[in-house]
Amino acid sequence: RQRAMCETVFSTIKRTLGDAVRARTWYGEFRELVLMCAVHNIKQSLKQ
């Protein structure tokens, strides 16, 4: 059940924000993923 919820969130993030990481360095990739998650969380909080 938890995995299904997690996969749903990943799928939503990929559909809305894109499925590719464009940064080249490890730090850049990490920062991009953190920002994607932050944007997803903000969008979810505004929906409710």
Protein backbone atom coordinates (compact mmCIF):
# COMPACT_ATOMS: atom_id res chain seq x y z
CA ARG A 1 0.00 0.00 0.00
CA GLN A 2 2.80 2.44 0.82
CA ARG A 3 4.64 1.60 -2.39
CA ALA A 4 1.51 2.31 -4.44
CA MET A 5 1.17 5.72 -2.80
CA CYS A 6 4.83 6.49 -3.45
CA GLU A 7 4.63 5.39 -7.09
CA THR A 8 1.55 7.59 -7.56
CA VAL A 9 3.44 10.64 -6.31
CA PHE A 10 6.44 9.88 -8.55
CA SER A 11 4.13 9.45 -11.53
CA THR A 12 2.40 12.76 -10.81
CA ILE A 13 5.71 14.60 -10.52
CA LYS A 14 6.95 13.09 -13.78
CA ARG A 15 3.75 13.98 -15.65
CA THR A 16 3.56 17.58 -14.42
CA LEU A 17 7.22 18.59 -14.13
CA GLY A 18 8.95 16.35 -16.66
CA ASP A 19 10.82 13.11 -16.33
CA ALA A 20 14.35 14.29 -17.11
CA VAL A 21 16.95 15.87 -14.86
CA ARG A 22 18.84 18.47 -16.83
CA ALA A 23 21.66 19.24 -14.41
CA ARG A 24 25.07 17.70 -15.00
CA THR A 25 26.67 17.71 -11.57
CA TRP A 26 25.56 15.62 -8.61
CA TYR A 27 24.73 18.71 -6.58
CA GLY A 28 22.75 20.19 -9.46
CA GLU A 29 20.73 16.99 -9.88
CA PHE A 30 20.03 16.86 -6.14
CA ARG A 31 18.94 20.50 -6.08
CA GLU A 32 16.67 19.99 -9.08
CA LEU A 33 14.98 16.97 -7.49
CA VAL A 34 14.49 18.80 -4.19
CA LEU A 35 12.91 21.75 -6.01
CA MET A 36 10.63 19.41 -7.96
CA CYS A 37 9.43 17.86 -4.71
CA ALA A 38 8.93 21.28 -3.14
CA VAL A 39 6.86 22.46 -6.10
CA HIS A 40 4.78 19.28 -5.93
CA ASN A 41 4.14 19.80 -2.21
CA ILE A 42 3.15 23.44 -2.73
CA LYS A 43 0.75 22.45 -5.53
CA GLN A 44 -0.81 19.79 -3.30
CA SER A 45 -1.23 22.19 -0.38
CA LEU A 46 -2.95 24.77 -2.62
CA LYS A 47 -5.40 22.17 -3.95
CA GLN A 48 -6.90 21.46 -0.54
